[in-house]
Amino acid sequence: MSKIPESELILNSDHSVYHLNLHPHEIAETVINVGDPDRVALVSKFFERIEVKKQKRDL
């Protein structure tokens, strides 16, 4: 897995990744993006565990 160069990574003031509000240690090797927030419960019920749960939706 290649690392994103810091020059191409937009960060918030708390050093989390812009628009996702995630810190590097909260990002898994495999990420599933369901797109529609209403699908999260449907998809996540198949997971054994959830380690980090965050939400950000710009309206």
PDB file of N, CA and C in Angstrom:
ATOM      1  N   MET A   1       0.841  -1.171   0.000  1.00  0.00           N
ATOM      2  CA  MET A   1       0.000   0.000   0.000  1.00  0.00           C
ATOM      3  C   MET A   1       0.889   1.238   0.000  1.00  0.00           C
ATOM      4  N   SER A   2       0.635   2.157  -0.911  1.00  0.00           N
ATOM      5  CA  SER A   2       1.460   3.363  -0.977  1.00  0.00           C
ATOM      6  C   SER A   2       0.870   4.468  -0.107  1.00  0.00           C
ATOM      7  N   LYS A   3       1.735   5.281   0.411  1.00  0.00           N
ATOM      8  CA  LYS A   3       1.335   6.374   1.288  1.00  0.00           C
ATOM      9  C   LYS A   3       1.031   7.609   0.456  1.00  0.00           C
ATOM     10  N   ILE A   4      -0.022   8.337   0.828  1.00  0.00           N
ATOM     11  CA  ILE A   4      -0.366   9.584   0.140  1.00  0.00           C
ATOM     12  C   ILE A   4       0.621  10.656   0.587  1.00  0.00           C
ATOM     13  N   PRO A   5       1.270  11.343  -0.352  1.00  0.00           N
ATOM     14  CA  PRO A   5       2.203  12.401   0.029  1.00  0.00           C
ATOM     15  C   PRO A   5       1.492  13.500   0.826  1.00  0.00           C
ATOM     16  N   GLU A   6       2.139  13.992   1.859  1.00  0.00           N
ATOM     17  CA  GLU A   6       1.527  15.024   2.699  1.00  0.00           C
ATOM     18  C   GLU A   6       1.129  16.255   1.888  1.00  0.00           C
ATOM     19  N   SER A   7       1.843  16.530   0.812  1.00  0.00           N
ATOM     20  CA  SER A   7       1.531  17.692  -0.018  1.00  0.00           C
ATOM     21  C   SER A   7       0.195  17.536  -0.747  1.00  0.00           C
ATOM     22  N   GLU A   8      -0.337  16.315  -0.831  1.00  0.00           N
ATOM     23  CA  GLU A   8      -1.597  16.064  -1.530  1.00  0.00           C
ATOM     24  C   GLU A   8      -2.731  15.731  -0.571  1.00  0.00           C
ATOM     25  N   LEU A   9      -2.485  15.836   0.712  1.00  0.00           N
ATOM     26  CA  LEU A   9      -3.469  15.475   1.712  1.00  0.00           C
ATOM     27  C   LEU A   9      -3.942  16.741   2.429  1.00  0.00           C
ATOM     28  N   ILE A  10      -5.207  17.085   2.263  1.00  0.00           N
ATOM     29  CA  ILE A  10      -5.766  18.269   2.902  1.00  0.00           C
ATOM     30  C   ILE A  10      -6.222  17.877   4.311  1.00  0.00           C
ATOM     31  N   LEU A  11      -5.744  18.621   5.304  1.00  0.00           N
ATOM     32  CA  LEU A  11      -6.053  18.313   6.698  1.00  0.00           C
ATOM     33  C   LEU A  11      -6.861  19.424   7.353  1.00  0.00           C
ATOM     34  N   ASN A  12      -7.698  19.031   8.310  1.00  0.00           N
ATOM     35  CA  ASN A  12      -8.420  19.996   9.149  1.00  0.00           C
ATOM     36  C   ASN A  12      -7.471  20.512  10.225  1.00  0.00           C
ATOM     37  N   SER A  13      -7.926  21.468  10.992  1.00  0.00           N
ATOM     38  CA  SER A  13      -7.072  22.046  12.045  1.00  0.00           C
ATOM     39  C   SER A  13      -6.684  21.019  13.108  1.00  0.00           C
ATOM     40  N   ASP A  14      -7.491  19.963  13.286  1.00  0.00           N
ATOM     41  CA  ASP A  14      -7.151  18.911  14.256  1.00  0.00           C
ATOM     42  C   ASP A  14      -6.313  17.798  13.620  1.00  0.00           C
ATOM     43  N   HIS A  15      -5.841  18.035  12.398  1.00  0.00           N
ATOM     44  CA  HIS A  15      -4.990  17.125  11.630  1.00  0.00           C
ATOM     45  C   HIS A  15      -5.727  15.886  11.117  1.00  0.00           C
ATOM     46  N   SER A  16      -7.065  15.928  11.108  1.00  0.00           N
ATOM     47  CA  SER A  16      -7.838  14.850  10.502  1.00  0.00           C
ATOM     48  C   SER A  16      -7.973  15.133   9.005  1.00  0.00           C
ATOM     49  N   VAL A  17      -8.247  14.086   8.235  1.00  0.00           N
ATOM     50  CA  VAL A  17      -8.374  14.215   6.787  1.00  0.00           C
ATOM     51  C   VAL A  17      -9.627  15.023   6.460  1.00  0.00           C
ATOM     52  N   TYR A  18      -9.452  16.034   5.638  1.00  0.00           N
ATOM     53  CA  TYR A  18     -10.547  16.913   5.263  1.00  0.00           C
ATOM     54  C   TYR A  18     -11.707  16.121   4.682  1.00  0.00           C
ATOM     55  N   HIS A  19     -12.904  16.535   4.995  1.00  0.00           N
ATOM     56  CA  HIS A  19     -14.175  15.998   4.529  1.00  0.00           C
ATOM     57  C   HIS A  19     -14.538  14.648   5.161  1.00  0.00           C
ATOM     58  N   LEU A  20     -13.572  13.916   5.653  1.00  0.00           N
ATOM     59  CA  LEU A  20     -13.865  12.633   6.297  1.00  0.00           C
ATOM     60  C   LEU A  20     -13.779  12.716   7.816  1.00  0.00           C
ATOM     61  N   ASN A  21     -13.038  13.704   8.310  1.00  0.00           N
ATOM     62  CA  ASN A  21     -12.788  13.863   9.746  1.00  0.00           C
ATOM     63  C   ASN A  21     -12.150  12.617  10.350  1.00  0.00           C
ATOM     64  N   LEU A  22     -11.281  11.968   9.601  1.00  0.00           N
ATOM     65  CA  LEU A  22     -10.581  10.786  10.078  1.00  0.00           C
ATOM     66  C   LEU A  22      -9.104  11.080  10.277  1.00  0.00           C
ATOM     67  N   HIS A  23      -8.551  10.512  11.335  1.00  0.00           N
ATOM     68  CA  HIS A  23      -7.114  10.581  11.560  1.00  0.00           C
ATOM     69  C   HIS A  23      -6.482   9.348  10.909  1.00  0.00           C
ATOM     70  N   PRO A  24      -5.212   9.445  10.544  1.00  0.00           N
ATOM     71  CA  PRO A  24      -4.563   8.320   9.855  1.00  0.00           C
ATOM     72  C   PRO A  24      -4.710   6.971  10.570  1.00  0.00           C
ATOM     73  N   HIS A  25      -4.639   6.965  11.910  1.00  0.00           N
ATOM     74  CA  HIS A  25      -4.747   5.698  12.644  1.00  0.00           C
ATOM     75  C   HIS A  25      -6.168   5.136  12.642  1.00  0.00           C
ATOM     76  N   GLU A  26      -7.145   5.908  12.165  1.00  0.00           N
ATOM     77  CA  GLU A  26      -8.533   5.449  12.108  1.00  0.00           C
ATOM     78  C   GLU A  26      -8.919   4.894  10.731  1.00  0.00           C
ATOM     79  N   ILE A  27      -8.001   4.917   9.786  1.00  0.00           N
ATOM     80  CA  ILE A  27      -8.295   4.463   8.431  1.00  0.00           C
ATOM     81  C   ILE A  27      -7.758   3.049   8.255  1.00  0.00           C
ATOM     82  N   ALA A  28      -8.643   2.135   7.910  1.00  0.00           N
ATOM     83  CA  ALA A  28      -8.270   0.729   7.730  1.00  0.00           C
ATOM     84  C   ALA A  28      -7.597   0.513   6.385  1.00  0.00           C
ATOM     85  N   GLU A  29      -6.991  -0.659   6.227  1.00  0.00           N
ATOM     86  CA  GLU A  29      -6.387  -1.023   4.954  1.00  0.00           C
ATOM     87  C   GLU A  29      -7.457  -1.165   3.875  1.00  0.00           C
ATOM     88  N   THR A  30      -8.624  -1.671   4.264  1.00  0.00           N
ATOM     89  CA  THR A  30      -9.753  -1.815   3.354  1.00  0.00           C
ATOM     90  C   THR A  30     -10.878  -0.917   3.846  1.00  0.00           C
ATOM     91  N   VAL A  31     -11.418  -0.103   2.953  1.00  0.00           N
ATOM     92  CA  VAL A  31     -12.482   0.831   3.305  1.00  0.00           C
ATOM     93  C   VAL A  31     -13.680   0.564   2.407  1.00  0.00           C
ATOM     94  N   ILE A  32     -14.863   0.494   3.014  1.00  0.00           N
ATOM     95  CA  ILE A  32     -16.103   0.335   2.259  1.00  0.00           C
ATOM     96  C   ILE A  32     -16.859   1.639   2.364  1.00  0.00           C
ATOM     97  N   ASN A  33     -17.136   2.255   1.234  1.00  0.00           N
ATOM     98  CA  ASN A  33     -17.878   3.507   1.198  1.00  0.00           C
ATOM     99  C   ASN A  33     -19.245   3.207   0.589  1.00  0.00           C
ATOM    100  N   VAL A  34     -20.284   3.292   1.400  1.00  0.00           N
ATOM    101  CA  VAL A  34     -21.625   2.949   0.920  1.00  0.00           C
ATOM    102  C   VAL A  34     -22.309   4.099   0.203  1.00  0.00           C
ATOM    103  N   GLY A  35     -21.746   5.291   0.304  1.00  0.00           N
ATOM    104  CA  GLY A  35     -22.310   6.443  -0.403  1.00  0.00           C
ATOM    105  C   GLY A  35     -23.503   7.045   0.306  1.00  0.00           C
ATOM    106  N   ASP A  36     -24.624   6.399   0.256  1.00  0.00           N
ATOM    107  CA  ASP A  36     -25.864   6.887   0.863  1.00  0.00           C
ATOM    108  C   ASP A  36     -25.859   6.560   2.360  1.00  0.00           C
ATOM    109  N   PRO A  37     -25.949   7.558   3.233  1.00  0.00           N
ATOM    110  CA  PRO A  37     -25.928   7.304   4.682  1.00  0.00           C
ATOM    111  C   PRO A  37     -27.020   6.344   5.140  1.00  0.00           C
ATOM    112  N   ASP A  38     -28.105   6.277   4.420  1.00  0.00           N
ATOM    113  CA  ASP A  38     -29.185   5.365   4.808  1.00  0.00           C
ATOM    114  C   ASP A  38     -28.801   3.895   4.610  1.00  0.00           C
ATOM    115  N   ARG A  39     -27.743   3.616   3.868  1.00  0.00           N
ATOM    116  CA  ARG A  39     -27.300   2.237   3.644  1.00  0.00           C
ATOM    117  C   ARG A  39     -26.329   1.744   4.718  1.00  0.00           C
ATOM    118  N   VAL A  40     -25.844   2.613   5.553  1.00  0.00           N
ATOM    119  CA  VAL A  40     -24.834   2.240   6.547  1.00  0.00           C
ATOM    120  C   VAL A  40     -25.334   1.129   7.458  1.00  0.00           C
ATOM    121  N   ALA A  41     -26.517   1.265   8.017  1.00  0.00           N
ATOM    122  CA  ALA A  41     -27.048   0.241   8.925  1.00  0.00           C
ATOM    123  C   ALA A  41     -27.222  -1.087   8.205  1.00  0.00           C
ATOM    124  N   LEU A  42     -27.681  -1.053   6.974  1.00  0.00           N
ATOM    125  CA  LEU A  42     -27.877  -2.270   6.189  1.00  0.00           C
ATOM    126  C   LEU A  42     -26.566  -3.009   5.970  1.00  0.00           C
ATOM    127  N   VAL A  43     -25.519  -2.279   5.593  1.00  0.00           N
ATOM    128  CA  VAL A  43     -24.221  -2.889   5.307  1.00  0.00           C
ATOM    129  C   VAL A  43     -23.499  -3.300   6.594  1.00  0.00           C
ATOM    130  N   SER A  44     -23.499  -2.449   7.601  1.00  0.00           N
ATOM    131  CA  SER A  44     -22.700  -2.701   8.810  1.00  0.00           C
ATOM    132  C   SER A  44     -23.255  -3.823   9.685  1.00  0.00           C
ATOM    133  N   LYS A  45     -24.486  -4.237   9.483  1.00  0.00           N
ATOM    134  CA  LYS A  45     -25.017  -5.339  10.302  1.00  0.00           C
ATOM    135  C   LYS A  45     -24.312  -6.669  10.000  1.00  0.00           C
ATOM    136  N   PHE A  46     -23.553  -6.725   8.907  1.00  0.00           N
ATOM    137  CA  PHE A  46     -22.808  -7.921   8.559  1.00  0.00           C
ATOM    138  C   PHE A  46     -21.391  -7.930   9.133  1.00  0.00           C
ATOM    139  N   PHE A  47     -20.969  -6.845   9.776  1.00  0.00           N
ATOM    140  CA  PHE A  47     -19.625  -6.755  10.343  1.00  0.00           C
ATOM    141  C   PHE A  47     -19.583  -7.426  11.710  1.00  0.00           C
ATOM    142  N   GLU A  48     -18.444  -8.009  12.036  1.00  0.00           N
ATOM    143  CA  GLU A  48     -18.260  -8.599  13.362  1.00  0.00           C
ATOM    144  C   GLU A  48     -18.112  -7.516  14.423  1.00  0.00           C
ATOM    145  N   ARG A  49     -17.430  -6.443  14.069  1.00  0.00           N
ATOM    146  CA  ARG A  49     -17.239  -5.335  15.016  1.00  0.00           C
ATOM    147  C   ARG A  49     -16.976  -4.048  14.234  1.00  0.00           C
ATOM    148  N   ILE A  50     -17.232  -2.939  14.886  1.00  0.00           N
ATOM    149  CA  ILE A  50     -16.955  -1.624  14.318  1.00  0.00           C
ATOM    150  C   ILE A  50     -16.019  -0.923  15.285  1.00  0.00           C
ATOM    151  N   GLU A  51     -14.836  -0.571  14.826  1.00  0.00           N
ATOM    152  CA  GLU A  51     -13.831   0.043  15.695  1.00  0.00           C
ATOM    153  C   GLU A  51     -13.937   1.560  15.714  1.00  0.00           C
ATOM    154  N   VAL A  52     -14.266   2.176  14.593  1.00  0.00           N
ATOM    155  CA  VAL A  52     -14.400   3.632  14.504  1.00  0.00           C
ATOM    156  C   VAL A  52     -15.687   3.920  13.759  1.00  0.00           C
ATOM    157  N   LYS A  53     -16.490   4.802  14.336  1.00  0.00           N
ATOM    158  CA  LYS A  53     -17.746   5.171  13.692  1.00  0.00           C
ATOM    159  C   LYS A  53     -17.816   6.698  13.663  1.00  0.00           C
ATOM    160  N   LYS A  54     -17.835   7.262  12.453  1.00  0.00           N
ATOM    161  CA  LYS A  54     -17.899   8.707  12.302  1.00  0.00           C
ATOM    162  C   LYS A  54     -18.872   9.039  11.188  1.00  0.00           C
ATOM    163  N   GLN A  55     -19.361  10.249  11.224  1.00  0.00           N
ATOM    164  CA  GLN A  55     -20.284  10.689  10.182  1.00  0.00           C
ATOM    165  C   GLN A  55     -19.990  12.129   9.832  1.00  0.00           C
ATOM    166  N   LYS A  56     -20.018  12.420   8.554  1.00  0.00           N
ATOM    167  CA  LYS A  56     -19.865  13.801   8.100  1.00  0.00           C
ATOM    168  C   LYS A  56     -20.655  13.927   6.813  1.00  0.00           C
ATOM    169  N   ARG A  57     -21.603  14.794   6.820  1.00  0.00           N
ATOM    170  CA  ARG A  57     -22.430  14.995   5.638  1.00  0.00           C
ATOM    171  C   ARG A  57     -22.612  16.487   5.466  1.00  0.00           C
ATOM    172  N   ASP A  58     -22.001  17.046   4.419  1.00  0.00           N
ATOM    173  CA  ASP A  58     -22.174  18.468   4.123  1.00  0.00           C
ATOM    174  C   ASP A  58     -23.483  18.654   3.383  1.00  0.00           C
ATOM    175  N   LEU A  59     -24.319  19.498   3.901  1.00  0.00           N
ATOM    176  CA  LEU A  59     -25.608  19.761   3.260  1.00  0.00           C
ATOM    177  C   LEU A  59     -25.659  21.175   2.733  1.00  0.00           C
TER     178      LEU A  59
END
